[in-house]
Amino acid sequence: MVNISTPAILIGVVGAGSCETDTAEIAETVGIEIARNNAVLVCGGLGGVMAAAARGARKGGGLTIGLLPGISHADANPDILIPIPTAMEHARNVLIVRACHGLIAISGGYGTLSEIALALKMKKPVIGIHSWSLDRHLENVSSPVMAVRKIIESVKGRD
C-alpha cells in the first residue's frame, strides 16, 4: 500500500476506453509497476487502458484515483478506490493531467493525444508505450517497467 507519510508521486495513465488484450496486458503491468514504486495511479476511471492499469495497481497493493467524466461514483471501474465524478466529459482530461506529476500514454486515440498535448503544454514528463509519435516531444518505450522508471526519474529530477 502507498506510504502516505511521505508525498506520493501521482502518475497519470491514459489510453483508449476499450483496447485489445495485448494493450490491456501492457497497461496492467504499468499499474503493477506504479504500485511497486509506491506511486499513485491517476486515470479517467473507466474501461480499457484505464481499467487494466487500475487492476494492475490494485494487484500491486496501490492506490487508484479515477477522475470520471460523468456525475456518478458508480461509473468507476471496480479497481478505482477513489472515484471523483467531474461532470466534465472530455474536459476532465485537463484535470487528469493537472493532478499528476507525469503521464504514461498507452496506445490511444484523439482523447489520449489531447492528454499528451496538455501534459506537454504544462511541462510535465510524458512517456508513451505504442502511442503517438511526436518527434522529440514524446519518448516511446516498449517496456512498462522502463516507462514507469523514466517517469519517476523525470519527476524526481524536477524536485
Protein backbone atom coordinates (compact mmCIF):
# COMPACT_ATOMS: atom_id res chain seq x y z
CA MET A 1 0.00 0.00 0.00
CA VAL A 2 1.14 3.55 -0.66
CA ASN A 3 3.08 5.10 2.22
CA ILE A 4 1.04 8.22 3.00
CA SER A 5 3.58 9.56 5.47
CA THR A 6 5.56 10.98 2.53
CA PRO A 7 4.20 12.82 -0.51
CA ALA A 8 3.39 10.33 -3.22
CA ILE A 9 4.21 10.64 -6.89
CA LEU A 10 0.97 10.69 -8.86
CA ILE A 11 1.33 9.04 -12.26
CA GLY A 12 -1.37 9.51 -14.86
CA VAL A 13 -2.11 6.60 -17.15
CA VAL A 14 -4.06 7.45 -20.28
CA GLY A 15 -5.28 5.44 -23.24
CA ALA A 16 -8.38 4.24 -25.02
CA GLY A 17 -11.58 3.32 -23.20
CA SER A 18 -11.52 -0.02 -24.98
CA CYS A 19 -8.44 -1.93 -26.08
CA GLU A 20 -7.06 -5.22 -27.33
CA THR A 21 -5.80 -7.88 -24.92
CA ASP A 22 -2.11 -7.12 -25.57
CA THR A 23 -2.64 -3.41 -24.80
CA ALA A 24 -4.56 -4.31 -21.63
CA GLU A 25 -1.67 -6.54 -20.52
CA ILE A 26 0.78 -3.67 -21.00
CA ALA A 27 -1.49 -1.31 -19.05
CA GLU A 28 -1.91 -3.82 -16.22
CA THR A 29 1.86 -4.22 -15.96
CA VAL A 30 2.24 -0.42 -15.85
CA GLY A 31 -0.24 -0.35 -12.97
CA ILE A 32 1.66 -3.06 -11.10
CA GLU A 33 4.92 -1.13 -11.55
CA ILE A 34 3.32 2.11 -10.34
CA ALA A 35 2.24 0.35 -7.14
CA ARG A 36 5.63 -1.34 -6.71
CA ASN A 37 7.24 2.09 -6.83
CA ASN A 38 4.92 3.43 -4.11
CA ALA A 39 3.29 5.86 -6.53
CA VAL A 40 -0.42 6.59 -7.04
CA LEU A 41 -2.25 5.85 -10.28
CA VAL A 42 -4.49 8.59 -11.68
CA CYS A 43 -6.71 7.88 -14.67
CA GLY A 44 -10.11 8.52 -16.21
CA GLY A 45 -11.62 5.73 -14.15
CA LEU A 46 -13.49 3.87 -16.89
CA GLY A 47 -12.67 0.84 -19.09
CA GLY A 48 -9.94 -0.26 -21.48
CA VAL A 49 -6.46 1.01 -20.63
CA MET A 50 -7.81 2.77 -17.54
CA ALA A 51 -9.39 -0.40 -16.11
CA ALA A 52 -6.36 -2.55 -16.89
CA ALA A 53 -3.91 -0.10 -15.30
CA ALA A 54 -6.12 0.25 -12.21
CA ARG A 55 -6.42 -3.53 -11.94
CA GLY A 56 -2.63 -3.83 -12.03
CA ALA A 57 -2.15 -1.11 -9.43
CA ARG A 58 -4.64 -2.81 -7.11
CA LYS A 59 -2.92 -6.18 -7.63
CA GLY A 60 0.27 -4.46 -6.54
CA GLY A 61 -1.41 -3.00 -3.44
CA GLY A 62 -1.52 0.53 -4.84
CA LEU A 63 -3.89 3.45 -4.60
CA THR A 64 -6.03 4.35 -7.62
CA ILE A 65 -7.85 7.60 -8.37
CA GLY A 66 -10.36 7.92 -11.20
CA LEU A 67 -11.49 11.32 -12.50
CA LEU A 68 -14.79 10.32 -14.07
CA PRO A 69 -16.46 12.10 -16.99
CA GLY A 70 -19.98 11.93 -15.55
CA ILE A 71 -21.79 12.55 -12.29
CA SER A 72 -21.92 9.10 -10.71
CA HIS A 73 -19.34 7.42 -8.50
CA ALA A 74 -20.82 4.12 -9.68
CA ASP A 75 -19.43 4.67 -13.20
CA ALA A 76 -15.90 3.90 -11.99
CA ASN A 77 -14.33 0.57 -12.82
CA PRO A 78 -14.13 -1.80 -9.82
CA ASP A 79 -10.44 -1.12 -9.20
CA ILE A 80 -10.80 2.61 -8.64
CA LEU A 81 -10.51 3.25 -4.90
CA ILE A 82 -11.15 6.99 -5.11
CA PRO A 83 -13.70 7.84 -7.80
CA ILE A 84 -14.18 11.57 -8.43
CA PRO A 85 -17.14 12.45 -10.67
CA THR A 86 -16.38 15.65 -12.57
CA ALA A 87 -19.46 16.08 -14.82
CA MET A 88 -16.96 17.46 -17.37
CA GLU A 89 -16.94 14.70 -20.02
CA HIS A 90 -13.79 15.10 -22.20
CA ALA A 91 -12.83 18.32 -20.41
CA ARG A 92 -11.83 16.13 -17.46
CA ASN A 93 -8.66 15.39 -19.41
CA VAL A 94 -7.31 18.70 -18.14
CA LEU A 95 -7.96 17.60 -14.55
CA ILE A 96 -6.28 14.23 -15.06
CA VAL A 97 -3.15 15.87 -16.45
CA ARG A 98 -3.11 18.66 -13.84
CA ALA A 99 -3.47 16.14 -10.99
CA CYS A 100 -0.49 14.00 -11.95
CA HIS A 101 3.24 14.64 -11.81
CA GLY A 102 3.89 12.75 -15.04
CA LEU A 103 1.94 10.86 -17.68
CA ILE A 104 2.21 7.45 -19.33
CA ALA A 105 0.25 7.19 -22.59
CA ILE A 106 -0.55 3.67 -23.73
CA SER A 107 -1.67 3.41 -27.34
CA GLY A 108 -4.82 5.55 -27.60
CA GLY A 109 -6.77 7.82 -29.90
CA TYR A 110 -7.55 11.52 -30.02
CA GLY A 111 -8.52 11.71 -26.35
CA THR A 112 -5.12 10.32 -25.44
CA LEU A 113 -3.48 12.77 -27.83
CA SER A 114 -5.28 15.65 -26.09
CA GLU A 115 -3.93 14.48 -22.72
CA ILE A 116 -0.41 14.19 -24.13
CA ALA A 117 -0.65 17.71 -25.59
CA LEU A 118 -1.96 19.13 -22.31
CA ALA A 119 0.83 17.46 -20.34
CA LEU A 120 3.48 18.80 -22.71
CA LYS A 121 1.91 22.28 -22.52
CA MET A 122 2.06 22.03 -18.70
CA LYS A 123 5.71 20.92 -18.97
CA LYS A 124 5.04 17.55 -17.39
CA PRO A 125 7.04 14.49 -18.41
CA VAL A 126 5.27 12.12 -20.80
CA ILE A 127 6.31 8.63 -21.82
CA GLY A 128 4.44 6.64 -24.45
CA ILE A 129 4.08 2.92 -24.98
CA HIS A 130 2.95 2.22 -28.56
CA SER A 131 1.43 5.69 -28.54
CA TRP A 132 1.55 8.82 -30.65
CA SER A 133 4.81 9.80 -32.31
CA LEU A 134 5.61 13.44 -31.70
CA ASP A 135 9.27 13.62 -32.73
CA ARG A 136 11.37 14.94 -29.88
CA HIS A 137 8.39 15.80 -27.67
CA LEU A 138 7.30 12.30 -26.72
CA GLU A 139 9.57 9.38 -25.98
CA ASN A 140 8.03 6.00 -26.73
CA VAL A 141 9.37 2.92 -24.96
CA SER A 142 8.35 -0.71 -25.34
CA SER A 143 8.60 -1.76 -21.70
CA PRO A 144 6.10 -0.91 -18.93
CA VAL A 145 8.92 -1.15 -16.38
CA MET A 146 11.00 1.35 -18.38
CA ALA A 147 8.04 3.71 -18.75
CA VAL A 148 7.40 3.87 -15.00
CA ARG A 149 11.10 4.16 -14.21
CA LYS A 150 11.55 7.03 -16.68
CA ILE A 151 8.52 8.93 -15.35
CA ILE A 152 9.66 8.57 -11.75
CA GLU A 153 13.21 9.65 -12.65
CA SER A 154 11.83 12.66 -14.55
CA VAL A 155 9.55 13.68 -11.69
CA LYS A 156 12.27 13.28 -9.05
CA GLY A 157 14.68 15.21 -11.26
CA ARG A 158 12.35 18.21 -11.11
CA ASP A 159 12.33 18.45 -7.30
